[in-house]
N, C-alpha and C. Protein backbone atom coordinates (compact mmCIF):
# COMPACT_ATOMS: atom_id res chain seq x y z
N UNK A 1 112.89 187.99 54.23
CA UNK A 1 112.77 186.89 53.30
C UNK A 1 112.45 185.65 54.12
N UNK A 2 111.41 184.95 53.74
CA UNK A 2 111.04 183.72 54.41
C UNK A 2 111.35 182.57 53.46
N UNK A 3 112.02 181.58 53.99
CA UNK A 3 112.42 180.46 53.17
C UNK A 3 112.12 179.19 53.93
N UNK A 4 111.46 178.27 53.30
CA UNK A 4 111.15 176.99 53.94
C UNK A 4 112.12 175.94 53.41
N UNK A 5 113.02 175.51 54.26
CA UNK A 5 113.93 174.43 53.92
C UNK A 5 113.61 173.28 54.86
N UNK A 6 113.01 172.27 54.34
CA UNK A 6 112.66 171.13 55.16
C UNK A 6 112.98 169.85 54.42
N UNK A 7 113.55 168.92 55.16
CA UNK A 7 113.72 167.59 54.59
C UNK A 7 112.34 166.97 54.55
N UNK A 8 112.01 166.34 53.45
CA UNK A 8 110.68 165.75 53.30
C UNK A 8 110.55 164.56 54.25
N UNK A 9 109.46 164.51 55.04
CA UNK A 9 109.27 163.37 55.92
C UNK A 9 109.03 162.09 55.12
N UNK A 10 109.43 160.99 55.71
CA UNK A 10 109.24 159.70 55.05
C UNK A 10 107.76 159.49 54.75
N UNK A 11 107.47 159.03 53.58
CA UNK A 11 106.09 158.75 53.20
C UNK A 11 105.33 159.95 52.70
N UNK A 12 105.96 161.12 52.64
CA UNK A 12 105.23 162.30 52.15
C UNK A 12 105.18 162.23 50.64
N UNK A 13 104.26 162.93 50.07
CA UNK A 13 104.06 162.90 48.63
C UNK A 13 105.09 163.70 47.86
N UNK A 14 105.92 164.48 48.54
CA UNK A 14 106.85 165.34 47.82
C UNK A 14 108.15 164.64 47.47
N UNK A 15 108.31 163.40 47.80
CA UNK A 15 109.51 162.65 47.45
C UNK A 15 110.59 162.80 48.50
N UNK A 16 111.65 162.04 48.36
CA UNK A 16 112.71 162.10 49.36
C UNK A 16 113.54 163.37 49.23
N UNK A 17 114.16 163.76 50.36
CA UNK A 17 115.05 164.91 50.35
C UNK A 17 116.30 164.55 49.56
N UNK A 18 116.92 165.53 48.94
CA UNK A 18 118.16 165.26 48.22
C UNK A 18 119.21 164.67 49.16
N UNK A 19 120.12 163.90 48.61
CA UNK A 19 121.19 163.32 49.40
C UNK A 19 121.99 164.44 50.05
N UNK A 20 122.24 164.33 51.34
CA UNK A 20 123.00 165.33 52.06
C UNK A 20 122.16 166.46 52.61
N UNK A 21 120.91 166.55 52.20
CA UNK A 21 120.02 167.62 52.67
C UNK A 21 119.33 167.15 53.93
N UNK A 22 119.99 167.34 55.06
CA UNK A 22 119.44 166.92 56.34
C UNK A 22 119.23 168.13 57.23
N UNK A 23 118.84 167.88 58.47
CA UNK A 23 118.56 168.97 59.41
C UNK A 23 119.80 169.83 59.64
N UNK A 24 120.96 169.20 59.74
CA UNK A 24 122.19 169.96 59.95
C UNK A 24 122.45 170.90 58.77
N UNK A 25 122.29 170.40 57.56
CA UNK A 25 122.51 171.23 56.37
C UNK A 25 121.50 172.38 56.34
N UNK A 26 120.25 172.08 56.68
CA UNK A 26 119.23 173.14 56.71
C UNK A 26 119.64 174.24 57.67
N UNK A 27 120.09 173.86 58.88
CA UNK A 27 120.48 174.85 59.87
C UNK A 27 121.68 175.67 59.40
N UNK A 28 122.63 175.02 58.74
CA UNK A 28 123.79 175.73 58.22
C UNK A 28 123.39 176.72 57.13
N UNK A 29 122.48 176.30 56.25
CA UNK A 29 122.02 177.18 55.18
C UNK A 29 121.27 178.38 55.75
N UNK A 30 120.41 178.13 56.70
CA UNK A 30 119.65 179.23 57.30
C UNK A 30 120.58 180.21 58.01
N UNK A 31 121.62 179.70 58.64
CA UNK A 31 122.58 180.56 59.33
C UNK A 31 123.39 181.42 58.38
N UNK A 32 123.51 181.00 57.14
CA UNK A 32 124.31 181.74 56.16
C UNK A 32 123.51 182.83 55.45
N UNK A 33 122.22 182.90 55.66
CA UNK A 33 121.38 183.86 54.93
C UNK A 33 121.83 185.32 55.09
N UNK A 34 122.15 185.81 56.30
CA UNK A 34 122.55 187.22 56.39
C UNK A 34 123.79 187.55 55.54
N UNK A 35 124.79 186.70 55.57
CA UNK A 35 126.00 186.95 54.78
C UNK A 35 125.69 186.86 53.28
N UNK A 36 124.85 185.92 52.89
CA UNK A 36 124.46 185.79 51.49
C UNK A 36 123.70 187.03 51.01
N UNK A 37 122.81 187.52 51.85
CA UNK A 37 122.03 188.71 51.48
C UNK A 37 122.94 189.92 51.28
N UNK A 38 123.91 190.08 52.20
CA UNK A 38 124.83 191.21 52.09
C UNK A 38 125.66 191.11 50.80
N UNK A 39 126.15 189.91 50.50
CA UNK A 39 126.96 189.74 49.30
C UNK A 39 126.11 189.93 48.05
N UNK A 40 124.90 189.38 48.05
CA UNK A 40 124.02 189.53 46.89
C UNK A 40 123.69 191.00 46.67
N UNK A 41 123.44 191.74 47.74
CA UNK A 41 123.12 193.16 47.58
C UNK A 41 124.32 193.92 47.05
N UNK A 42 125.54 193.53 47.48
CA UNK A 42 126.73 194.21 46.98
C UNK A 42 126.92 193.99 45.49
N UNK A 43 126.35 192.92 44.96
CA UNK A 43 126.43 192.65 43.52
C UNK A 43 125.30 193.32 42.75
N UNK A 44 124.10 193.33 43.32
CA UNK A 44 122.92 193.79 42.57
C UNK A 44 122.47 195.21 42.90
N UNK A 45 122.70 195.66 44.12
CA UNK A 45 122.18 196.95 44.61
C UNK A 45 120.66 197.04 44.45
N UNK A 46 120.01 195.92 44.58
CA UNK A 46 118.55 195.84 44.45
C UNK A 46 118.08 194.79 45.44
N UNK A 47 117.26 195.21 46.42
CA UNK A 47 116.84 194.28 47.47
C UNK A 47 116.06 193.09 46.92
N UNK A 48 115.15 193.35 45.99
CA UNK A 48 114.35 192.25 45.44
C UNK A 48 115.21 191.28 44.66
N UNK A 49 116.07 191.81 43.81
CA UNK A 49 116.97 190.92 43.03
C UNK A 49 117.91 190.15 43.95
N UNK A 50 118.42 190.83 44.97
CA UNK A 50 119.35 190.14 45.86
C UNK A 50 118.64 189.05 46.65
N UNK A 51 117.41 189.30 47.08
CA UNK A 51 116.65 188.24 47.78
C UNK A 51 116.36 187.07 46.85
N UNK A 52 116.02 187.37 45.60
CA UNK A 52 115.80 186.29 44.62
C UNK A 52 117.07 185.48 44.41
N UNK A 53 118.19 186.17 44.35
CA UNK A 53 119.48 185.52 44.15
C UNK A 53 119.82 184.61 45.34
N UNK A 54 119.55 185.09 46.55
CA UNK A 54 119.79 184.28 47.75
C UNK A 54 118.87 183.06 47.74
N UNK A 55 117.61 183.28 47.39
CA UNK A 55 116.66 182.16 47.33
C UNK A 55 117.14 181.10 46.33
N UNK A 56 117.53 181.53 45.14
CA UNK A 56 118.02 180.60 44.13
C UNK A 56 119.28 179.87 44.60
N UNK A 57 120.14 180.59 45.29
CA UNK A 57 121.37 179.99 45.82
C UNK A 57 121.04 178.90 46.83
N UNK A 58 120.13 179.20 47.75
CA UNK A 58 119.77 178.22 48.79
C UNK A 58 119.09 177.00 48.18
N UNK A 59 118.24 177.22 47.20
CA UNK A 59 117.57 176.09 46.54
C UNK A 59 118.61 175.22 45.84
N UNK A 60 119.52 175.85 45.12
CA UNK A 60 120.55 175.09 44.42
C UNK A 60 121.45 174.35 45.41
N UNK A 61 121.80 175.01 46.51
CA UNK A 61 122.64 174.35 47.53
C UNK A 61 121.89 173.17 48.15
N UNK A 62 120.61 173.32 48.40
CA UNK A 62 119.80 172.26 49.00
C UNK A 62 119.74 171.04 48.06
N UNK A 63 119.48 171.32 46.82
CA UNK A 63 119.36 170.24 45.83
C UNK A 63 120.71 169.53 45.64
N UNK A 64 121.80 170.30 45.71
CA UNK A 64 123.13 169.75 45.48
C UNK A 64 123.91 169.56 46.78
N UNK A 65 123.21 169.35 47.87
CA UNK A 65 123.86 169.22 49.17
C UNK A 65 124.90 168.10 49.19
N UNK A 66 124.70 167.07 48.41
CA UNK A 66 125.64 165.95 48.40
C UNK A 66 127.00 166.36 47.84
N UNK A 67 127.06 167.42 47.04
CA UNK A 67 128.34 167.83 46.47
C UNK A 67 129.16 168.68 47.45
N UNK A 68 128.56 169.09 48.56
CA UNK A 68 129.31 169.85 49.57
C UNK A 68 130.05 168.88 50.46
N UNK A 69 131.35 169.13 50.62
CA UNK A 69 132.17 168.29 51.50
C UNK A 69 132.08 168.83 52.90
N UNK A 70 131.50 168.07 53.81
CA UNK A 70 131.39 168.49 55.21
C UNK A 70 132.78 168.77 55.77
N UNK A 71 132.86 169.79 56.59
CA UNK A 71 134.13 170.16 57.18
C UNK A 71 134.86 171.24 56.40
N UNK A 72 134.37 171.57 55.19
CA UNK A 72 134.97 172.65 54.43
C UNK A 72 134.15 173.92 54.65
N UNK A 73 134.52 175.00 54.03
CA UNK A 73 133.89 176.30 54.25
C UNK A 73 132.57 176.39 53.49
N UNK A 74 131.46 176.21 54.21
CA UNK A 74 130.13 176.26 53.59
C UNK A 74 129.85 177.64 53.00
N UNK A 75 130.23 178.70 53.73
CA UNK A 75 129.93 180.05 53.24
C UNK A 75 130.64 180.31 51.92
N UNK A 76 131.87 179.87 51.79
CA UNK A 76 132.59 180.06 50.52
C UNK A 76 131.90 179.29 49.41
N UNK A 77 131.43 178.08 49.70
CA UNK A 77 130.72 177.27 48.71
C UNK A 77 129.44 177.99 48.27
N UNK A 78 128.70 178.53 49.25
CA UNK A 78 127.46 179.24 48.94
C UNK A 78 127.74 180.52 48.16
N UNK A 79 128.80 181.25 48.53
CA UNK A 79 129.15 182.47 47.81
C UNK A 79 129.51 182.15 46.37
N UNK A 80 130.18 181.04 46.15
CA UNK A 80 130.53 180.64 44.79
C UNK A 80 129.28 180.36 43.98
N UNK A 81 128.32 179.66 44.58
CA UNK A 81 127.05 179.38 43.89
C UNK A 81 126.35 180.69 43.57
N UNK A 82 126.27 181.59 44.57
CA UNK A 82 125.59 182.87 44.39
C UNK A 82 126.26 183.69 43.29
N UNK A 83 127.57 183.75 43.34
CA UNK A 83 128.32 184.52 42.33
C UNK A 83 128.09 183.95 40.94
N UNK A 84 128.13 182.64 40.80
CA UNK A 84 127.89 182.02 39.49
C UNK A 84 126.48 182.29 38.99
N UNK A 85 125.51 182.23 39.90
CA UNK A 85 124.13 182.54 39.51
C UNK A 85 124.01 183.99 39.06
N UNK A 86 124.66 184.89 39.80
CA UNK A 86 124.61 186.31 39.45
C UNK A 86 125.16 186.56 38.05
N UNK A 87 126.34 186.00 37.77
CA UNK A 87 126.94 186.24 36.46
C UNK A 87 126.16 185.54 35.35
N UNK A 88 125.56 184.42 35.63
CA UNK A 88 124.70 183.78 34.63
C UNK A 88 123.50 184.67 34.32
N UNK A 89 122.94 185.25 35.38
CA UNK A 89 121.81 186.16 35.22
C UNK A 89 122.23 187.41 34.46
N UNK A 90 123.43 187.91 34.74
CA UNK A 90 123.93 189.10 34.04
C UNK A 90 124.04 188.85 32.54
N UNK A 91 124.53 187.67 32.18
CA UNK A 91 124.65 187.34 30.76
C UNK A 91 123.28 187.32 30.10
N UNK A 92 122.26 186.87 30.82
CA UNK A 92 120.91 186.82 30.27
C UNK A 92 120.30 188.22 30.15
N UNK A 93 120.75 189.14 30.98
CA UNK A 93 120.17 190.49 31.02
C UNK A 93 120.84 191.47 30.08
N UNK A 94 121.73 191.02 29.23
CA UNK A 94 122.49 191.93 28.37
C UNK A 94 121.58 192.81 27.52
N UNK A 95 120.40 192.36 27.22
CA UNK A 95 119.50 193.14 26.35
C UNK A 95 118.68 194.17 27.11
N UNK A 96 118.79 194.18 28.44
CA UNK A 96 118.03 195.16 29.22
C UNK A 96 118.68 196.54 29.12
N UNK A 97 117.87 197.56 29.30
CA UNK A 97 118.35 198.94 29.27
C UNK A 97 119.06 199.23 30.58
N UNK A 98 120.28 199.76 30.46
CA UNK A 98 121.04 200.09 31.66
C UNK A 98 120.72 201.51 32.10
N UNK A 99 120.97 201.77 33.38
CA UNK A 99 120.76 203.09 33.96
C UNK A 99 122.13 203.76 34.10
N UNK A 100 122.80 203.95 32.97
CA UNK A 100 124.18 204.44 32.97
C UNK A 100 124.32 205.81 33.60
N UNK A 101 123.37 206.70 33.37
CA UNK A 101 123.48 208.05 33.91
C UNK A 101 122.91 208.17 35.32
N UNK A 102 122.32 207.10 35.86
CA UNK A 102 121.82 207.10 37.23
C UNK A 102 120.52 207.83 37.45
N UNK A 103 119.81 208.18 36.38
CA UNK A 103 118.55 208.92 36.51
C UNK A 103 117.52 208.08 37.28
N UNK A 104 117.35 206.84 36.88
CA UNK A 104 116.38 205.98 37.56
C UNK A 104 116.79 205.74 39.01
N UNK A 105 118.05 205.44 39.24
CA UNK A 105 118.54 205.21 40.60
C UNK A 105 118.38 206.46 41.46
N UNK A 106 118.59 207.63 40.87
CA UNK A 106 118.44 208.88 41.60
C UNK A 106 117.03 209.12 42.09
N UNK A 107 116.06 208.63 41.35
CA UNK A 107 114.66 208.79 41.77
C UNK A 107 114.31 207.84 42.91
N UNK A 108 115.07 206.78 43.07
CA UNK A 108 114.76 205.78 44.09
C UNK A 108 115.39 206.09 45.44
N UNK A 109 116.28 207.05 45.49
CA UNK A 109 116.96 207.35 46.75
C UNK A 109 116.27 208.50 47.46
N UNK A 110 116.49 208.58 48.75
CA UNK A 110 115.96 209.69 49.52
C UNK A 110 117.12 210.52 50.05
N UNK A 111 116.87 211.77 50.33
CA UNK A 111 117.93 212.63 50.84
C UNK A 111 118.36 212.17 52.23
N UNK A 112 119.66 212.21 52.51
CA UNK A 112 120.14 211.80 53.82
C UNK A 112 119.62 212.72 54.91
N UNK A 113 119.34 212.15 56.06
CA UNK A 113 118.79 212.93 57.16
C UNK A 113 119.87 213.30 58.18
N UNK A 114 121.01 212.68 58.11
CA UNK A 114 122.06 212.99 59.06
C UNK A 114 123.42 212.73 58.41
N UNK A 115 124.47 213.18 59.08
CA UNK A 115 125.81 213.11 58.52
C UNK A 115 126.25 211.68 58.20
N UNK A 116 125.91 210.73 59.04
CA UNK A 116 126.32 209.35 58.81
C UNK A 116 125.71 208.82 57.53
N UNK A 117 124.47 209.17 57.28
CA UNK A 117 123.82 208.73 56.04
C UNK A 117 124.49 209.36 54.83
N UNK A 118 124.88 210.62 54.96
CA UNK A 118 125.55 211.27 53.84
C UNK A 118 126.89 210.61 53.56
N UNK A 119 127.62 210.30 54.63
CA UNK A 119 128.92 209.64 54.45
C UNK A 119 128.73 208.26 53.83
N UNK A 120 127.70 207.54 54.28
CA UNK A 120 127.44 206.22 53.72
C UNK A 120 127.05 206.32 52.25
N UNK A 121 126.27 207.32 51.93
CA UNK A 121 125.88 207.53 50.53
C UNK A 121 127.11 207.86 49.68
N UNK A 122 128.03 208.68 50.22
CA UNK A 122 129.26 208.99 49.50
C UNK A 122 130.10 207.73 49.30
N UNK A 123 130.17 206.92 50.36
CA UNK A 123 130.95 205.68 50.25
C UNK A 123 130.33 204.74 49.22
N UNK A 124 129.00 204.60 49.27
CA UNK A 124 128.33 203.72 48.31
C UNK A 124 128.54 204.22 46.89
N UNK A 125 128.48 205.52 46.70
CA UNK A 125 128.72 206.09 45.37
C UNK A 125 130.14 205.78 44.91
N UNK A 126 131.10 205.94 45.81
CA UNK A 126 132.50 205.65 45.47
C UNK A 126 132.67 204.16 45.18
N UNK A 127 132.02 203.32 45.97
CA UNK A 127 132.10 201.88 45.76
C UNK A 127 131.49 201.51 44.40
N UNK A 128 130.42 202.18 44.02
CA UNK A 128 129.78 201.91 42.73
C UNK A 128 130.66 202.29 41.55
N UNK A 129 131.60 203.20 41.77
CA UNK A 129 132.48 203.64 40.70
C UNK A 129 133.61 202.65 40.43
N UNK A 130 133.81 201.72 41.35
CA UNK A 130 134.87 200.72 41.16
C UNK A 130 134.45 199.73 40.07
N UNK A 131 135.41 199.20 39.34
CA UNK A 131 135.10 198.12 38.42
C UNK A 131 134.51 196.94 39.20
N UNK A 132 133.62 196.19 38.59
CA UNK A 132 132.90 195.11 39.29
C UNK A 132 133.85 194.12 39.95
N UNK A 133 134.93 193.76 39.29
CA UNK A 133 135.87 192.78 39.85
C UNK A 133 136.54 193.32 41.11
N UNK A 134 136.90 194.61 41.11
CA UNK A 134 137.52 195.20 42.30
C UNK A 134 136.52 195.33 43.43
N UNK A 135 135.29 195.74 43.11
CA UNK A 135 134.26 195.88 44.13
C UNK A 135 133.96 194.53 44.77
N UNK A 136 133.85 193.50 43.94
CA UNK A 136 133.57 192.16 44.44
C UNK A 136 134.68 191.69 45.37
N UNK A 137 135.94 191.86 44.98
CA UNK A 137 137.07 191.44 45.80
C UNK A 137 137.09 192.20 47.13
N UNK A 138 136.85 193.51 47.07
CA UNK A 138 136.86 194.32 48.29
C UNK A 138 135.74 193.92 49.24
N UNK A 139 134.56 193.65 48.71
CA UNK A 139 133.43 193.23 49.56
C UNK A 139 133.72 191.88 50.21
N UNK A 140 134.27 190.95 49.44
CA UNK A 140 134.56 189.63 49.99
C UNK A 140 135.60 189.70 51.10
N UNK A 141 136.69 190.43 50.86
CA UNK A 141 137.78 190.48 51.84
C UNK A 141 137.49 191.49 52.94
N UNK A 142 137.00 192.68 52.57
CA UNK A 142 136.81 193.74 53.55
C UNK A 142 135.54 193.65 54.35
N UNK A 143 134.44 193.36 53.70
CA UNK A 143 133.14 193.36 54.38
C UNK A 143 132.73 191.98 54.87
N UNK A 144 133.05 190.95 54.11
CA UNK A 144 132.64 189.60 54.49
C UNK A 144 133.72 188.84 55.25
N UNK A 145 134.89 189.43 55.38
CA UNK A 145 136.01 188.86 56.15
C UNK A 145 136.51 187.52 55.63
N UNK A 146 136.40 187.30 54.33
CA UNK A 146 137.00 186.11 53.75
C UNK A 146 138.50 186.34 53.65
N UNK A 147 139.28 185.28 53.74
CA UNK A 147 140.71 185.39 53.51
C UNK A 147 140.91 185.61 52.01
N UNK A 148 142.11 186.04 51.65
CA UNK A 148 142.41 186.21 50.23
C UNK A 148 142.26 184.87 49.50
N UNK A 149 142.67 183.81 50.15
CA UNK A 149 142.58 182.49 49.52
C UNK A 149 141.13 182.09 49.28
N UNK A 150 140.26 182.33 50.28
CA UNK A 150 138.84 181.99 50.12
C UNK A 150 138.19 182.85 49.04
N UNK A 151 138.52 184.15 49.04
CA UNK A 151 137.96 185.05 48.03
C UNK A 151 138.42 184.62 46.63
N UNK A 152 139.69 184.20 46.52
CA UNK A 152 140.20 183.75 45.23
C UNK A 152 139.45 182.51 44.76
N UNK A 153 139.17 181.59 45.68
CA UNK A 153 138.43 180.38 45.32
C UNK A 153 137.01 180.72 44.88
N UNK A 154 136.37 181.66 45.57
CA UNK A 154 135.01 182.07 45.22
C UNK A 154 134.98 182.69 43.82
N UNK A 155 135.97 183.53 43.53
CA UNK A 155 136.00 184.24 42.25
C UNK A 155 136.65 183.43 41.14
N UNK A 156 137.30 182.34 41.50
CA UNK A 156 137.94 181.50 40.49
C UNK A 156 139.18 182.14 39.87
N UNK A 157 139.92 182.91 40.69
CA UNK A 157 141.14 183.55 40.21
C UNK A 157 142.28 183.25 41.18
N UNK A 158 143.49 183.66 40.82
CA UNK A 158 144.65 183.45 41.68
C UNK A 158 144.59 184.39 42.89
N UNK A 159 145.25 183.98 43.98
CA UNK A 159 145.28 184.78 45.20
C UNK A 159 145.90 186.15 44.92
N UNK A 160 146.96 186.18 44.12
CA UNK A 160 147.60 187.45 43.78
C UNK A 160 146.66 188.39 43.05
N UNK A 161 145.78 187.86 42.25
CA UNK A 161 144.80 188.67 41.54
C UNK A 161 143.84 189.33 42.52
N UNK A 162 143.39 188.56 43.52
CA UNK A 162 142.50 189.12 44.54
C UNK A 162 143.21 190.21 45.32
N UNK A 163 144.46 189.95 45.73
CA UNK A 163 145.21 190.96 46.48
C UNK A 163 145.36 192.23 45.67
N UNK A 164 145.66 192.09 44.40
CA UNK A 164 145.82 193.25 43.51
C UNK A 164 144.50 194.01 43.38
N UNK A 165 143.41 193.28 43.19
CA UNK A 165 142.10 193.94 43.05
C UNK A 165 141.72 194.70 44.32
N UNK A 166 141.96 194.08 45.48
CA UNK A 166 141.63 194.74 46.75
C UNK A 166 142.49 195.98 46.93
N UNK A 167 143.77 195.88 46.64
CA UNK A 167 144.68 197.02 46.77
C UNK A 167 144.26 198.16 45.85
N UNK A 168 143.99 197.85 44.58
CA UNK A 168 143.57 198.89 43.64
C UNK A 168 142.23 199.49 44.07
N UNK A 169 141.33 198.67 44.59
CA UNK A 169 140.02 199.18 45.04
C UNK A 169 140.19 200.14 46.21
N UNK A 170 141.05 199.79 47.15
CA UNK A 170 141.27 200.67 48.30
C UNK A 170 141.88 202.00 47.87
N UNK A 171 142.87 201.95 46.99
CA UNK A 171 143.51 203.17 46.50
C UNK A 171 142.47 204.03 45.78
N UNK A 172 141.66 203.43 44.95
CA UNK A 172 140.64 204.18 44.20
C UNK A 172 139.61 204.79 45.14
N UNK A 173 139.17 204.04 46.16
CA UNK A 173 138.21 204.59 47.12
C UNK A 173 138.79 205.80 47.84
N UNK A 174 140.04 205.72 48.24
CA UNK A 174 140.69 206.84 48.92
C UNK A 174 140.72 208.06 48.01
N UNK A 175 141.02 207.85 46.72
CA UNK A 175 141.03 208.95 45.75
C UNK A 175 139.65 209.56 45.57
N UNK A 176 138.65 208.71 45.34
CA UNK A 176 137.30 209.19 45.06
C UNK A 176 136.70 209.91 46.27
N UNK A 177 137.02 209.43 47.47
CA UNK A 177 136.48 210.03 48.68
C UNK A 177 137.28 211.25 49.14
N UNK A 178 138.34 211.58 48.41
CA UNK A 178 139.13 212.77 48.74
C UNK A 178 139.95 212.61 49.99
N UNK A 179 140.35 211.41 50.30
CA UNK A 179 141.17 211.15 51.49
C UNK A 179 142.64 211.23 51.11
N UNK A 180 143.46 211.43 52.12
CA UNK A 180 144.90 211.49 51.87
C UNK A 180 145.53 210.11 52.03
N UNK A 181 144.90 209.24 52.76
CA UNK A 181 145.44 207.90 52.99
C UNK A 181 144.54 207.13 53.92
N UNK A 182 144.99 205.96 54.34
CA UNK A 182 144.16 205.11 55.19
C UNK A 182 143.96 205.70 56.58
N UNK A 183 144.81 206.67 56.98
CA UNK A 183 144.63 207.31 58.29
C UNK A 183 143.35 208.13 58.34
N UNK A 184 142.84 208.52 57.18
CA UNK A 184 141.60 209.30 57.12
C UNK A 184 140.36 208.45 57.33
N UNK A 185 140.51 207.15 57.31
CA UNK A 185 139.37 206.26 57.48
C UNK A 185 139.03 206.19 58.96
N UNK A 186 137.77 206.39 59.29
CA UNK A 186 137.34 206.34 60.68
C UNK A 186 136.70 207.65 61.08
N UNK A 187 136.85 208.04 62.35
CA UNK A 187 136.21 209.27 62.83
C UNK A 187 136.68 210.49 62.05
N UNK A 188 135.80 211.51 61.98
CA UNK A 188 136.17 212.72 61.27
C UNK A 188 137.20 213.52 62.07
N UNK A 189 137.71 214.57 61.49
CA UNK A 189 138.78 215.35 62.11
C UNK A 189 138.38 215.91 63.47
N UNK A 190 137.14 216.40 63.61
CA UNK A 190 136.70 216.96 64.88
C UNK A 190 136.66 215.89 65.96
N UNK A 191 136.17 214.71 65.63
CA UNK A 191 136.10 213.62 66.60
C UNK A 191 137.50 213.20 67.01
N UNK A 192 138.42 213.09 66.02
CA UNK A 192 139.81 212.69 66.32
C UNK A 192 140.45 213.74 67.23
N UNK A 193 140.20 215.03 66.97
CA UNK A 193 140.78 216.09 67.79
C UNK A 193 140.26 215.99 69.23
N UNK A 194 138.97 215.72 69.37
CA UNK A 194 138.40 215.60 70.71
C UNK A 194 138.98 214.39 71.43
N UNK A 195 139.15 213.29 70.72
CA UNK A 195 139.71 212.09 71.33
C UNK A 195 141.17 212.28 71.72
N UNK A 196 141.90 213.08 70.92
CA UNK A 196 143.31 213.34 71.20
C UNK A 196 143.51 214.42 72.25
N UNK A 197 142.41 215.02 72.69
CA UNK A 197 142.50 216.05 73.73
C UNK A 197 142.88 217.40 73.18
N UNK A 198 142.81 217.57 71.86
CA UNK A 198 143.22 218.86 71.25
C UNK A 198 142.04 219.53 70.75
């Protein structure tokens, strides 16, 4: 994804840059793109839609740069914008046909070529089975390394709600993946046996 974020030079025909949209803000926004893309993809599971969502988020953040308080968590602010845009888009898409049985999605995937890909596909399938709120909380805390407090602020819910969603999501993933507990997460049994010398 290529994005041009530039403060308009003085005297240019495009008008002045928004208040707060300076070189530092541009650099901060550009640095946040990988995390934004990962979060957007976790919501949409569509590369094109997620890139569009990131683009819209960055444009909105650029235009509203004055509302960001310097010294606070920029990534959390951007995730909140992205999340709000996503849910606004979801409300607009209610009339679209859903792929409930996964037929269309099944045609878009390719067969795994190695064990790691198969495990990742199993994990993604299990993650897709989680309710959206649990999946979102787990991605924010587990994959994006936000604190529970930051994730709660992004989602607009209480910290206890985020903790509950993450806990329920982890339990459900363990069930769906056929694991006995969190000790099963990580290397497979053969690798663990080799590492343990047995």
